[in-house]
Amino acid sequence: MESVLGSLKAELVHRARFRSRREAKAALFDFIAIFCNRQRRHSSIGCRTPGQTRIDMAAAMAA
C-alpha cells in the first residue's frame, strides 16, 4: 500500500495543479483504475500486470 501511495504522490499529486475537487477526484480515479489496476506490476502475481496475468490465465484455461 505504501508503494501505491508513494507512486500516487510522485506521479500525480506533485506534478499537477487541480482547479477543483472534482478534477482532482477524476484524476485520482483515472490513476487507480488505469495505472494501478491495469498497468502497474504487482508482486503478488509474479511482478506482472493484471492484464498479462489475465491473458496467461485465459490461455491456460483454453489449453
Protein backbone atom coordinates (compact mmCIF):
# COMPACT_ATOMS: atom_id res chain seq x y z
CA MET A 1 0.00 0.00 0.00
CA GLU A 2 2.84 2.39 0.81
CA SER A 3 4.26 1.83 -2.67
CA VAL A 4 0.96 2.80 -4.29
CA LEU A 5 0.66 5.93 -2.17
CA GLY A 6 4.25 6.88 -2.97
CA SER A 7 3.58 6.44 -6.69
CA LEU A 8 0.37 8.42 -6.38
CA LYS A 9 2.14 11.34 -4.75
CA ALA A 10 5.17 11.31 -7.04
CA GLU A 11 3.37 10.76 -10.32
CA LEU A 12 0.09 12.59 -9.84
CA VAL A 13 -0.24 14.88 -6.84
CA HIS A 14 3.13 16.64 -7.01
CA ARG A 15 3.02 17.05 -10.79
CA ALA A 16 -0.42 18.56 -11.20
CA ARG A 17 -2.41 21.55 -10.10
CA PHE A 18 -6.10 20.86 -9.89
CA ARG A 19 -8.65 23.60 -10.47
CA SER A 20 -11.36 21.89 -8.47
CA ARG A 21 -12.02 18.99 -6.17
CA ARG A 22 -13.99 17.32 -8.98
CA GLU A 23 -10.95 17.48 -11.28
CA ALA A 24 -8.72 16.01 -8.56
CA LYS A 25 -11.17 13.19 -7.91
CA ALA A 26 -11.34 12.36 -11.63
CA ALA A 27 -7.54 12.29 -11.88
CA LEU A 28 -7.31 10.08 -8.80
CA PHE A 29 -9.89 7.68 -10.24
CA ASP A 30 -8.00 7.50 -13.55
CA PHE A 31 -4.72 6.86 -11.75
CA ILE A 32 -6.17 3.99 -9.74
CA ALA A 33 -8.40 2.47 -12.42
CA ILE A 34 -5.91 2.68 -15.26
CA PHE A 35 -2.40 2.68 -13.80
CA CYS A 36 -2.74 0.69 -10.59
CA ASN A 37 -5.28 -1.84 -11.78
CA ARG A 38 -4.16 -2.33 -15.39
CA GLN A 39 -0.54 -1.26 -15.92
CA ARG A 40 1.31 -1.43 -12.61
CA ARG A 41 3.22 -4.62 -11.93
CA HIS A 42 2.06 -6.46 -8.82
CA SER A 43 4.43 -8.58 -6.75
CA SER A 44 1.59 -10.85 -5.64
CA ILE A 45 1.12 -12.08 -9.22
CA GLY A 46 4.74 -12.61 -10.13
CA CYS A 47 5.65 -8.99 -10.95
CA ARG A 48 3.30 -8.95 -13.93
CA THR A 49 0.48 -6.61 -14.78
CA PRO A 50 -3.08 -7.76 -14.14
CA GLY A 51 -3.64 -7.70 -17.90
CA GLN A 52 -0.73 -10.06 -18.51
CA THR A 53 -1.98 -12.38 -15.78
CA ARG A 54 -5.49 -12.39 -17.24
CA ILE A 55 -4.16 -13.28 -20.70
CA ASP A 56 -1.98 -16.06 -19.27
CA MET A 57 -4.90 -17.50 -17.29
CA ALA A 58 -7.20 -17.44 -20.33
CA ALA A 59 -4.55 -19.21 -22.43
CA ALA A 60 -4.03 -21.84 -19.71
CA MET A 61 -7.76 -22.47 -19.45
CA ALA A 62 -8.12 -22.80 -23.24
CA ALA A 63 -5.27 -25.31 -23.47
